[in-house]
Amino acid sequence: MIYAIIAEDVPDSLTKRLAARPAHIARLQALQEEGRLILAGPFPAVDAIDPGAAGFTGSLIVAEFATLEDAESWAQTDPYITAGVYAQTIVKPFKKVFPV
């Protein structure tokens, strides 16, 4: 099943994000190589693709996992959590309709 992982950053997370980013990206690349990653990316803090010093307010990851528990476990071991980037993470089942 597909799950949406919606994470909200702590205030002023940019420095922590940058430090933990290589490990975070490596986990996403592993999901992609397994054919389970649908999409992933951050929410810019301002209306710009590159928000610069404004940073980001959170992230969205949509990926396939065997169970909700597997998705939650994967989300809770993200390097952004261990680095203190994410204040909160929500995992929800997701039904992809488009694109077909």
C-alpha atoms as a PDB file:
ATOM      1  CA  MET A   1       0.000   0.000   0.000  1.00  0.00           C
ATOM      2  CA  ILE A   2       1.027   3.593  -0.495  1.00  0.00           C
ATOM      3  CA  TYR A   3       1.534   5.914   2.490  1.00  0.00           C
ATOM      4  CA  ALA A   4       2.017   9.670   2.815  1.00  0.00           C
ATOM      5  CA  ILE A   5       4.586  10.783   5.370  1.00  0.00           C
ATOM      6  CA  ILE A   6       3.989  14.412   6.272  1.00  0.00           C
ATOM      7  CA  ALA A   7       6.605  16.026   8.480  1.00  0.00           C
ATOM      8  CA  GLU A   8       6.708  19.460  10.068  1.00  0.00           C
ATOM      9  CA  ASP A   9      10.051  21.090  10.848  1.00  0.00           C
ATOM     10  CA  VAL A  10      11.079  22.728  14.090  1.00  0.00           C
ATOM     11  CA  PRO A  11      11.612  26.504  13.761  1.00  0.00           C
ATOM     12  CA  ASP A  12      14.932  27.506  12.159  1.00  0.00           C
ATOM     13  CA  SER A  13      15.681  23.958  10.983  1.00  0.00           C
ATOM     14  CA  LEU A  14      17.876  24.829   7.989  1.00  0.00           C
ATOM     15  CA  THR A  15      21.272  24.204   9.616  1.00  0.00           C
ATOM     16  CA  LYS A  16      20.126  20.863  11.023  1.00  0.00           C
ATOM     17  CA  ARG A  17      18.544  19.945   7.673  1.00  0.00           C
ATOM     18  CA  LEU A  18      21.721  20.622   5.745  1.00  0.00           C
ATOM     19  CA  ALA A  19      23.812  18.552   8.150  1.00  0.00           C
ATOM     20  CA  ALA A  20      21.468  15.534   8.011  1.00  0.00           C
ATOM     21  CA  ARG A  21      20.541  15.835   4.324  1.00  0.00           C
ATOM     22  CA  PRO A  22      23.061  13.307   2.876  1.00  0.00           C
ATOM     23  CA  ALA A  23      21.781  10.513   5.145  1.00  0.00           C
ATOM     24  CA  HIS A  24      18.150  11.520   4.524  1.00  0.00           C
ATOM     25  CA  ILE A  25      18.669  11.501   0.740  1.00  0.00           C
ATOM     26  CA  ALA A  26      20.441   8.120   0.887  1.00  0.00           C
ATOM     27  CA  ARG A  27      17.341   6.545   2.469  1.00  0.00           C
ATOM     28  CA  LEU A  28      15.116   8.075  -0.202  1.00  0.00           C
ATOM     29  CA  GLN A  29      17.445   6.823  -2.935  1.00  0.00           C
ATOM     30  CA  ALA A  30      17.212   3.319  -1.467  1.00  0.00           C
ATOM     31  CA  LEU A  31      13.407   3.500  -1.667  1.00  0.00           C
ATOM     32  CA  GLN A  32      13.687   4.731  -5.252  1.00  0.00           C
ATOM     33  CA  GLU A  33      16.037   1.899  -6.219  1.00  0.00           C
ATOM     34  CA  GLU A  34      13.537  -0.564  -4.733  1.00  0.00           C
ATOM     35  CA  GLY A  35      10.800   0.995  -6.904  1.00  0.00           C
ATOM     36  CA  ARG A  36       8.782   2.091  -3.855  1.00  0.00           C
ATOM     37  CA  LEU A  37       9.223   5.887  -3.898  1.00  0.00           C
ATOM     38  CA  ILE A  38       6.357   7.801  -5.528  1.00  0.00           C
ATOM     39  CA  LEU A  39       7.558  11.327  -4.687  1.00  0.00           C
ATOM     40  CA  ALA A  40       9.442  13.249  -2.044  1.00  0.00           C
ATOM     41  CA  GLY A  41      10.380  16.823  -1.322  1.00  0.00           C
ATOM     42  CA  PRO A  42      10.386  19.701   1.148  1.00  0.00           C
ATOM     43  CA  PHE A  43       7.920  22.535   1.713  1.00  0.00           C
ATOM     44  CA  PRO A  44       9.751  25.857   1.106  1.00  0.00           C
ATOM     45  CA  ALA A  45       9.126  28.429   3.845  1.00  0.00           C
ATOM     46  CA  VAL A  46       8.530  31.093   1.187  1.00  0.00           C
ATOM     47  CA  ASP A  47       6.971  30.999  -2.277  1.00  0.00           C
ATOM     48  CA  ALA A  48      10.165  30.070  -4.115  1.00  0.00           C
ATOM     49  CA  ILE A  49      11.793  26.886  -5.394  1.00  0.00           C
ATOM     50  CA  ASP A  50      14.991  27.903  -3.605  1.00  0.00           C
ATOM     51  CA  PRO A  51      13.960  29.613  -0.366  1.00  0.00           C
ATOM     52  CA  GLY A  52      17.541  30.431   0.598  1.00  0.00           C
ATOM     53  CA  ALA A  53      17.967  31.342   4.261  1.00  0.00           C
ATOM     54  CA  ALA A  54      14.190  31.112   4.838  1.00  0.00           C
ATOM     55  CA  GLY A  55      14.603  27.343   4.671  1.00  0.00           C
ATOM     56  CA  PHE A  56      11.794  24.816   4.768  1.00  0.00           C
ATOM     57  CA  THR A  57       8.788  24.090   6.962  1.00  0.00           C
ATOM     58  CA  GLY A  58       8.585  20.331   6.480  1.00  0.00           C
ATOM     59  CA  SER A  59       8.560  17.496   3.975  1.00  0.00           C
ATOM     60  CA  LEU A  60       6.272  15.130   2.108  1.00  0.00           C
ATOM     61  CA  ILE A  61       7.246  11.578   1.205  1.00  0.00           C
ATOM     62  CA  VAL A  62       4.852   9.262  -0.629  1.00  0.00           C
ATOM     63  CA  ALA A  63       6.056   5.673  -0.859  1.00  0.00           C
ATOM     64  CA  GLU A  64       5.000   2.040  -0.780  1.00  0.00           C
ATOM     65  CA  PHE A  65       5.311  -0.017   2.394  1.00  0.00           C
ATOM     66  CA  ALA A  66       3.899  -3.418   3.334  1.00  0.00           C
ATOM     67  CA  THR A  67       1.944  -2.044   6.306  1.00  0.00           C
ATOM     68  CA  LEU A  68       1.148   1.171   8.132  1.00  0.00           C
ATOM     69  CA  GLU A  69       3.425  -0.010  10.931  1.00  0.00           C
ATOM     70  CA  ASP A  70       6.306  -0.441   8.456  1.00  0.00           C
ATOM     71  CA  ALA A  71       5.741   3.079   7.101  1.00  0.00           C
ATOM     72  CA  GLU A  72       5.617   4.532  10.622  1.00  0.00           C
ATOM     73  CA  SER A  73       8.764   2.672  11.641  1.00  0.00           C
ATOM     74  CA  TRP A  74      10.608   3.865   8.532  1.00  0.00           C
ATOM     75  CA  ALA A  75       9.483   7.454   9.172  1.00  0.00           C
ATOM     76  CA  GLN A  76      10.549   7.391  12.819  1.00  0.00           C
ATOM     77  CA  THR A  77      14.099   6.351  11.913  1.00  0.00           C
ATOM     78  CA  ASP A  78      14.616   9.139   9.400  1.00  0.00           C
ATOM     79  CA  PRO A  79      17.875  11.072   9.928  1.00  0.00           C
ATOM     80  CA  TYR A  80      15.876  14.299  10.060  1.00  0.00           C
ATOM     81  CA  ILE A  81      14.163  13.006  13.204  1.00  0.00           C
ATOM     82  CA  THR A  82      17.379  11.945  14.891  1.00  0.00           C
ATOM     83  CA  ALA A  83      18.969  15.299  13.949  1.00  0.00           C
ATOM     84  CA  GLY A  84      16.064  17.259  15.430  1.00  0.00           C
ATOM     85  CA  VAL A  85      14.792  18.670  12.121  1.00  0.00           C
ATOM     86  CA  TYR A  86      11.249  17.308  12.381  1.00  0.00           C
ATOM     87  CA  ALA A  87       8.985  18.430  15.218  1.00  0.00           C
ATOM     88  CA  GLN A  88       6.165  16.138  14.161  1.00  0.00           C
ATOM     89  CA  THR A  89       5.534  13.383  11.630  1.00  0.00           C
ATOM     90  CA  ILE A  90       2.190  11.999  10.475  1.00  0.00           C
ATOM     91  CA  VAL A  91       1.860   8.800   8.420  1.00  0.00           C
ATOM     92  CA  LYS A  92      -1.389   8.130   6.553  1.00  0.00           C
ATOM     93  CA  PRO A  93      -2.551   5.567   4.018  1.00  0.00           C
ATOM     94  CA  PHE A  94      -2.744   7.202   0.589  1.00  0.00           C
ATOM     95  CA  LYS A  95      -4.775   6.248  -2.479  1.00  0.00           C
ATOM     96  CA  LYS A  96      -3.061   7.351  -5.684  1.00  0.00           C
ATOM     97  CA  VAL A  97      -5.599   8.273  -8.363  1.00  0.00           C
ATOM     98  CA  PHE A  98      -3.560  10.417 -10.765  1.00  0.00           C
ATOM     99  CA  PRO A  99      -1.431  10.189 -12.730  1.00  0.00           C
ATOM    100  CA  VAL A 100      -2.592   6.803 -13.925  1.00  0.00           C
END
